[in-house]
Amino acid sequence: MDFIVGLLLFGLALFTTALLRAYEQTPIKELRRHARQGDEIAKGLYRAVSYGYSLRSVLGGLSVTSNAILFFYIARQADVWLAIVLLVVLLWFIYIWLPKQAMQTWMVKTAASVAPAVASVLQYIHPFIARVGEFVRKYRPVHVHTGMYETEDIIDLLQAQAGQADNRIPEDIIDITIGSLTFFGVLVRDILTPRRVVRSVSADETVGPVLMTELHDSGFSRFPVFDGLQDNIVGVLFLRDLVTAKNGGKIRELMSKKVCYVHEDQSLKHALDAILKTHQQLFVVVNSFEEYVGVLSIEDVFEQVLGQNIIDEFDQYDDMRAVAASHAKKDHKKHDHPTD
């Protein structure tokens, strides 16, 4: 009889501990998503897990109480040394070995099957536990630290998330988020196009096939225009304006005369504010001596956020006809190759 009582107490302690672990193995948000998708096991688990602190309090209390009774019972029934050995073995088995074991499917199904009964009990106990919790938090507030102190901590978390086996956040979203977090610490001089590789154009240069080919082959679509000395920037030339120029002429007749400047020591946040305020796509970058050191384009700024290069094909998205032609080409290909 004594053995049966001890076995029942051990079974109760083991069952409550395993049950609590089964309920806590999946975060409640993930459990709710699976329940909404029609997962019957998730629905069953969620009925109990939704009670949160009340569930942990009840099952944790049952586990501790049953273990305490079991230990007291063993101490009363067995010899001193045997009782000590049994208690150590039970403590190791329930609180060290069991939590490290992989959760078995039958354990999860068992937890889901008893969840309605657990939820039925909790609906009566929960109001009392909630009031006690509010009283305790009022006089002894609990502050749960996120474990994050600086921006680098958030970046480390996102990078770890990207390598997680069950990650469902697309890689491009993680890259954009990391890019936006590092955006404010980047200076203009870190991403500008240096003057030595910038293709500039003289305002007095004549528009012709040779010039158009040279500018097109440069890989840029916007060019600073200088008058006399190359430091004397007087405008910005857009390659698309050359395409529409039929009668030749001078660069100064086609260029935009609005020139905006940004300092190399300013942040990209400042540059982005300037872009949004002026609607300019190209900025001339100067240093502390007001010397022309390079250019900064709108693509340079957004590439820092997106984490990938932006292909600028004559700014085709500024031209509705180019957009329409692109979509028409795709539709035509789809009709010709419906199985692709």
Foldseek 3Di string as FASTA:
>chain_A
DLVVVLVVLLVQLQLLLLLVCLLPVDDLVVLVVVVVVPDLLSVLSNLQCVLPPLSCVVSVVSNVVSLVVSLVSLCVPDDPVVSVVVNVVSCCVRPPVVSPDDDDPVSSSVSSVCSVVNSVVCVVVSVVVVVVVVVCCVVPNDDDDPPDDDLVVVLVVLVVLVVDPPRPDDPLVSLLVNLVSCQQVAFQLVQFDWPVLADAAEQFDKQDPVVLVVVVVSQDQKHFYAYDDPQRTQFMAGSVQSVPDDPIDTNNVRTGRDAAEDERGHGLVVVVVVCVVVVDFKHFYAYPVRGGTGMDGPQSSVCSNSVDGDRPDSVQVVPVVSVVVVVVVVVVVCVVCVPD
